[in-house]
Amino acid sequence: MSAADYQALAEFRYQIRRFLRFSEQAARRAGLEPAQHQLLLAVKAFAGEPSVGDLAERLQLRHHSVVGLIDRLAECGLAGRSRAEDDRRQVRIRLTPKGEAVLRKLSIEHRSELGGAGSALTAALRGILARQRKTSTSKAAKQTCTTS
């Protein structure tokens, strides 16, 4: 790894962190914890009504942590639960109209932010990928020379 490789990775990580910080602050302004915002988004993006297990996978959290998030969202009137018709042991999660409205507002803010931050994030990712291709091409050329 060269200094330029580290610089490219650091820049990408910086751009991700800038966007995440924006996202965290926007969620808090809306009265949510960032993880609650993520859960609302995961529920909305899921085809149908996700189970707690589905959400735990999407958020990369433990089952009991997701249950706690759902409990708090339900207390605020942003999400609700229902039993799956095909398997009554399964709990399905859905957004309430209030949850839909909060998520829509946050999503519009995020899309707007990505209008500006997206180009910096994309440029940083392209920088990493270009360095990766250059390294891969260079390694392949060296292998060709040593195996010929």
C-alpha atoms as a PDB file:
ATOM      1  CA  MET A   1       0.000   0.000   0.000  1.00  0.00           C
ATOM      2  CA  SER A   2       1.329   3.393  -0.969  1.00  0.00           C
ATOM      3  CA  ALA A   3       0.803   6.756   0.711  1.00  0.00           C
ATOM      4  CA  ALA A   4      -1.689   7.601  -2.047  1.00  0.00           C
ATOM      5  CA  ASP A   5      -3.664   4.439  -1.244  1.00  0.00           C
ATOM      6  CA  TYR A   6      -3.934   5.493   2.401  1.00  0.00           C
ATOM      7  CA  GLN A   7      -4.864   9.037   1.378  1.00  0.00           C
ATOM      8  CA  ALA A   8      -7.632   7.741  -0.898  1.00  0.00           C
ATOM      9  CA  LEU A   9      -9.024   5.499   1.854  1.00  0.00           C
ATOM     10  CA  ALA A  10      -8.824   8.317   4.397  1.00  0.00           C
ATOM     11  CA  GLU A  11     -10.642  10.714   2.063  1.00  0.00           C
ATOM     12  CA  PHE A  12     -13.421   8.196   1.430  1.00  0.00           C
ATOM     13  CA  ARG A  13     -13.785   7.514   5.139  1.00  0.00           C
ATOM     14  CA  TYR A  14     -13.867  11.281   5.801  1.00  0.00           C
ATOM     15  CA  GLN A  15     -16.620  11.848   3.236  1.00  0.00           C
ATOM     16  CA  ILE A  16     -18.683   8.978   4.660  1.00  0.00           C
ATOM     17  CA  ARG A  17     -18.261  10.382   8.169  1.00  0.00           C
ATOM     18  CA  ARG A  18     -19.314  13.868   7.038  1.00  0.00           C
ATOM     19  CA  PHE A  19     -22.519  12.472   5.559  1.00  0.00           C
ATOM     20  CA  LEU A  20     -23.188  10.310   8.603  1.00  0.00           C
ATOM     21  CA  ARG A  21     -22.700  13.310  10.887  1.00  0.00           C
ATOM     22  CA  PHE A  22     -25.205  15.273   8.827  1.00  0.00           C
ATOM     23  CA  SER A  23     -27.609  12.321   9.044  1.00  0.00           C
ATOM     24  CA  GLU A  24     -27.193  11.964  12.809  1.00  0.00           C
ATOM     25  CA  GLN A  25     -27.815  15.681  13.344  1.00  0.00           C
ATOM     26  CA  ALA A  26     -30.879  15.674  11.064  1.00  0.00           C
ATOM     27  CA  ALA A  27     -32.350  12.712  12.959  1.00  0.00           C
ATOM     28  CA  ARG A  28     -31.805  14.431  16.301  1.00  0.00           C
ATOM     29  CA  ARG A  29     -33.410  17.654  15.023  1.00  0.00           C
ATOM     30  CA  ALA A  30     -36.440  15.513  14.111  1.00  0.00           C
ATOM     31  CA  GLY A  31     -36.534  14.124  17.673  1.00  0.00           C
ATOM     32  CA  LEU A  32     -35.046  10.728  16.811  1.00  0.00           C
ATOM     33  CA  GLU A  33     -31.889   8.886  17.625  1.00  0.00           C
ATOM     34  CA  PRO A  34     -29.885   8.046  14.468  1.00  0.00           C
ATOM     35  CA  ALA A  35     -30.593   4.313  14.905  1.00  0.00           C
ATOM     36  CA  GLN A  36     -34.328   5.037  15.061  1.00  0.00           C
ATOM     37  CA  HIS A  37     -34.085   6.913  11.768  1.00  0.00           C
ATOM     38  CA  GLN A  38     -32.214   3.974  10.262  1.00  0.00           C
ATOM     39  CA  LEU A  39     -34.916   1.616  11.460  1.00  0.00           C
ATOM     40  CA  LEU A  40     -37.687   3.744   9.942  1.00  0.00           C
ATOM     41  CA  LEU A  41     -35.824   3.795   6.645  1.00  0.00           C
ATOM     42  CA  ALA A  42     -35.212   0.032   6.738  1.00  0.00           C
ATOM     43  CA  VAL A  43     -38.909  -0.646   7.395  1.00  0.00           C
ATOM     44  CA  LYS A  44     -39.985   1.631   4.540  1.00  0.00           C
ATOM     45  CA  ALA A  45     -37.452   0.173   2.098  1.00  0.00           C
ATOM     46  CA  PHE A  46     -38.349  -3.450   2.880  1.00  0.00           C
ATOM     47  CA  ALA A  47     -40.694  -5.227   0.470  1.00  0.00           C
ATOM     48  CA  GLY A  48     -43.702  -5.889   2.698  1.00  0.00           C
ATOM     49  CA  GLU A  49     -43.578  -5.750   6.469  1.00  0.00           C
ATOM     50  CA  PRO A  50     -40.209  -6.835   7.864  1.00  0.00           C
ATOM     51  CA  SER A  51     -39.748  -9.018  10.912  1.00  0.00           C
ATOM     52  CA  VAL A  52     -37.514  -8.046  13.806  1.00  0.00           C
ATOM     53  CA  GLY A  53     -34.940 -10.507  12.415  1.00  0.00           C
ATOM     54  CA  ASP A  54     -35.070  -8.852   8.996  1.00  0.00           C
ATOM     55  CA  LEU A  55     -34.430  -5.471  10.590  1.00  0.00           C
ATOM     56  CA  ALA A  56     -31.647  -6.803  12.806  1.00  0.00           C
ATOM     57  CA  GLU A  57     -29.882  -8.017   9.653  1.00  0.00           C
ATOM     58  CA  ARG A  58     -30.419  -4.759   7.763  1.00  0.00           C
ATOM     59  CA  LEU A  59     -29.192  -2.644  10.681  1.00  0.00           C
ATOM     60  CA  GLN A  60     -26.466  -5.096  11.698  1.00  0.00           C
ATOM     61  CA  LEU A  61     -27.734  -5.059  15.273  1.00  0.00           C
ATOM     62  CA  ARG A  62     -28.715  -7.757  17.740  1.00  0.00           C
ATOM     63  CA  HIS A  63     -32.338  -8.840  17.920  1.00  0.00           C
ATOM     64  CA  HIS A  64     -32.893  -7.370  21.389  1.00  0.00           C
ATOM     65  CA  SER A  65     -31.410  -4.018  20.336  1.00  0.00           C
ATOM     66  CA  VAL A  66     -33.883  -3.798  17.456  1.00  0.00           C
ATOM     67  CA  VAL A  67     -36.742  -4.698  19.803  1.00  0.00           C
ATOM     68  CA  GLY A  68     -35.711  -1.756  22.007  1.00  0.00           C
ATOM     69  CA  LEU A  69     -35.679   0.596  19.009  1.00  0.00           C
ATOM     70  CA  ILE A  70     -39.106  -0.621  17.936  1.00  0.00           C
ATOM     71  CA  ASP A  71     -40.452  -0.195  21.480  1.00  0.00           C
ATOM     72  CA  ARG A  72     -39.343   3.450  21.534  1.00  0.00           C
ATOM     73  CA  LEU A  73     -40.710   4.148  18.051  1.00  0.00           C
ATOM     74  CA  ALA A  74     -44.028   2.534  19.011  1.00  0.00           C
ATOM     75  CA  GLU A  75     -44.203   4.680  22.180  1.00  0.00           C
ATOM     76  CA  CYS A  76     -43.803   7.766  19.972  1.00  0.00           C
ATOM     77  CA  GLY A  77     -46.484   6.563  17.568  1.00  0.00           C
ATOM     78  CA  LEU A  78     -44.042   6.162  14.664  1.00  0.00           C
ATOM     79  CA  ALA A  79     -44.177   2.371  14.221  1.00  0.00           C
ATOM     80  CA  GLY A  80     -46.498  -0.488  15.007  1.00  0.00           C
ATOM     81  CA  ARG A  81     -46.394  -4.258  15.314  1.00  0.00           C
ATOM     82  CA  SER A  82     -48.621  -7.031  14.079  1.00  0.00           C
ATOM     83  CA  ARG A  83     -48.457 -10.817  14.024  1.00  0.00           C
ATOM     84  CA  ALA A  84     -47.678 -12.479  10.712  1.00  0.00           C
ATOM     85  CA  GLU A  85     -50.727 -14.257   9.338  1.00  0.00           C
ATOM     86  CA  ASP A  86     -48.772 -17.301   8.163  1.00  0.00           C
ATOM     87  CA  ASP A  87     -46.736 -17.678  11.378  1.00  0.00           C
ATOM     88  CA  ARG A  88     -48.257 -16.103  14.486  1.00  0.00           C
ATOM     89  CA  ARG A  89     -44.873 -16.310  16.235  1.00  0.00           C
ATOM     90  CA  GLN A  90     -43.460 -13.746  13.805  1.00  0.00           C
ATOM     91  CA  VAL A  91     -43.898 -10.066  14.590  1.00  0.00           C
ATOM     92  CA  ARG A  92     -44.074  -7.727  11.611  1.00  0.00           C
ATOM     93  CA  ILE A  93     -43.204  -4.039  11.803  1.00  0.00           C
ATOM     94  CA  ARG A  94     -44.912  -1.223   9.944  1.00  0.00           C
ATOM     95  CA  LEU A  95     -44.720   2.553   9.933  1.00  0.00           C
ATOM     96  CA  THR A  96     -47.636   4.598  11.169  1.00  0.00           C
ATOM     97  CA  PRO A  97     -48.784   7.647   9.196  1.00  0.00           C
ATOM     98  CA  LYS A  98     -46.843   9.790  11.682  1.00  0.00           C
ATOM     99  CA  GLY A  99     -43.727   7.627  11.111  1.00  0.00           C
ATOM    100  CA  GLU A 100     -44.182   7.942   7.354  1.00  0.00           C
ATOM    101  CA  ALA A 101     -44.343  11.736   7.638  1.00  0.00           C
ATOM    102  CA  VAL A 102     -41.215  11.994   9.806  1.00  0.00           C
ATOM    103  CA  LEU A 103     -39.304   9.662   7.486  1.00  0.00           C
ATOM    104  CA  ARG A 104     -40.404  11.555   4.389  1.00  0.00           C
ATOM    105  CA  LYS A 105     -39.149  14.850   5.823  1.00  0.00           C
ATOM    106  CA  LEU A 106     -35.811  13.309   6.796  1.00  0.00           C
ATOM    107  CA  SER A 107     -35.456  11.566   3.441  1.00  0.00           C
ATOM    108  CA  ILE A 108     -36.014  14.812   1.549  1.00  0.00           C
ATOM    109  CA  GLU A 109     -33.306  16.462   3.678  1.00  0.00           C
ATOM    110  CA  HIS A 110     -30.940  13.559   3.028  1.00  0.00           C
ATOM    111  CA  ARG A 111     -31.538  13.573  -0.703  1.00  0.00           C
ATOM    112  CA  SER A 112     -30.841  17.296  -0.766  1.00  0.00           C
ATOM    113  CA  GLU A 113     -27.621  16.847   1.221  1.00  0.00           C
ATOM    114  CA  LEU A 114     -26.499  14.098  -1.138  1.00  0.00           C
ATOM    115  CA  GLY A 115     -26.907  16.555  -4.002  1.00  0.00           C
ATOM    116  CA  GLY A 116     -23.793  18.298  -2.712  1.00  0.00           C
ATOM    117  CA  ALA A 117     -22.009  15.679  -0.620  1.00  0.00           C
ATOM    118  CA  GLY A 118     -22.683  12.927  -3.141  1.00  0.00           C
ATOM    119  CA  SER A 119     -20.174  14.252  -5.645  1.00  0.00           C
ATOM    120  CA  ALA A 120     -17.415  14.352  -3.003  1.00  0.00           C
ATOM    121  CA  LEU A 121     -18.316  10.830  -1.844  1.00  0.00           C
ATOM    122  CA  THR A 122     -18.356   9.574  -5.423  1.00  0.00           C
ATOM    123  CA  ALA A 123     -15.013  11.209  -6.203  1.00  0.00           C
ATOM    124  CA  ALA A 124     -13.462   9.657  -3.097  1.00  0.00           C
ATOM    125  CA  LEU A 125     -14.776   6.199  -4.019  1.00  0.00           C
ATOM    126  CA  ARG A 126     -13.559   6.599  -7.590  1.00  0.00           C
ATOM    127  CA  GLY A 127     -10.126   7.506  -6.205  1.00  0.00           C
ATOM    128  CA  ILE A 128      -9.994   4.254  -4.223  1.00  0.00           C
ATOM    129  CA  LEU A 129     -11.189   2.182  -7.163  1.00  0.00           C
ATOM    130  CA  ALA A 130      -8.675   3.817  -9.505  1.00  0.00           C
ATOM    131  CA  ARG A 131      -5.867   3.047  -7.024  1.00  0.00           C
ATOM    132  CA  GLN A 132      -7.167  -0.531  -6.731  1.00  0.00           C
ATOM    133  CA  ARG A 133      -7.212  -1.023 -10.505  1.00  0.00           C
ATOM    134  CA  LYS A 134      -3.754   0.480 -10.823  1.00  0.00           C
ATOM    135  CA  THR A 135      -2.430  -1.880  -8.118  1.00  0.00           C
ATOM    136  CA  SER A 136      -4.189  -4.914  -9.644  1.00  0.00           C
ATOM    137  CA  THR A 137      -2.883  -4.082 -13.126  1.00  0.00           C
ATOM    138  CA  SER A 138       0.605  -3.567 -11.754  1.00  0.00           C
ATOM    139  CA  LYS A 139       0.534  -6.916  -9.889  1.00  0.00           C
ATOM    140  CA  ALA A 140      -0.775  -8.729 -12.959  1.00  0.00           C
ATOM    141  CA  ALA A 141       2.016  -7.245 -15.077  1.00  0.00           C
ATOM    142  CA  LYS A 142       4.631  -8.333 -12.539  1.00  0.00           C
ATOM    143  CA  GLN A 143       3.198 -11.854 -12.403  1.00  0.00           C
ATOM    144  CA  THR A 144       3.243 -12.048 -16.196  1.00  0.00           C
ATOM    145  CA  CYS A 145       6.888 -10.999 -16.234  1.00  0.00           C
ATOM    146  CA  THR A 146       7.952 -13.495 -13.579  1.00  0.00           C
ATOM    147  CA  THR A 147       5.986 -16.425 -15.013  1.00  0.00           C
ATOM    148  CA  SER A 148       7.002 -15.944 -18.641  1.00  0.00           C
END
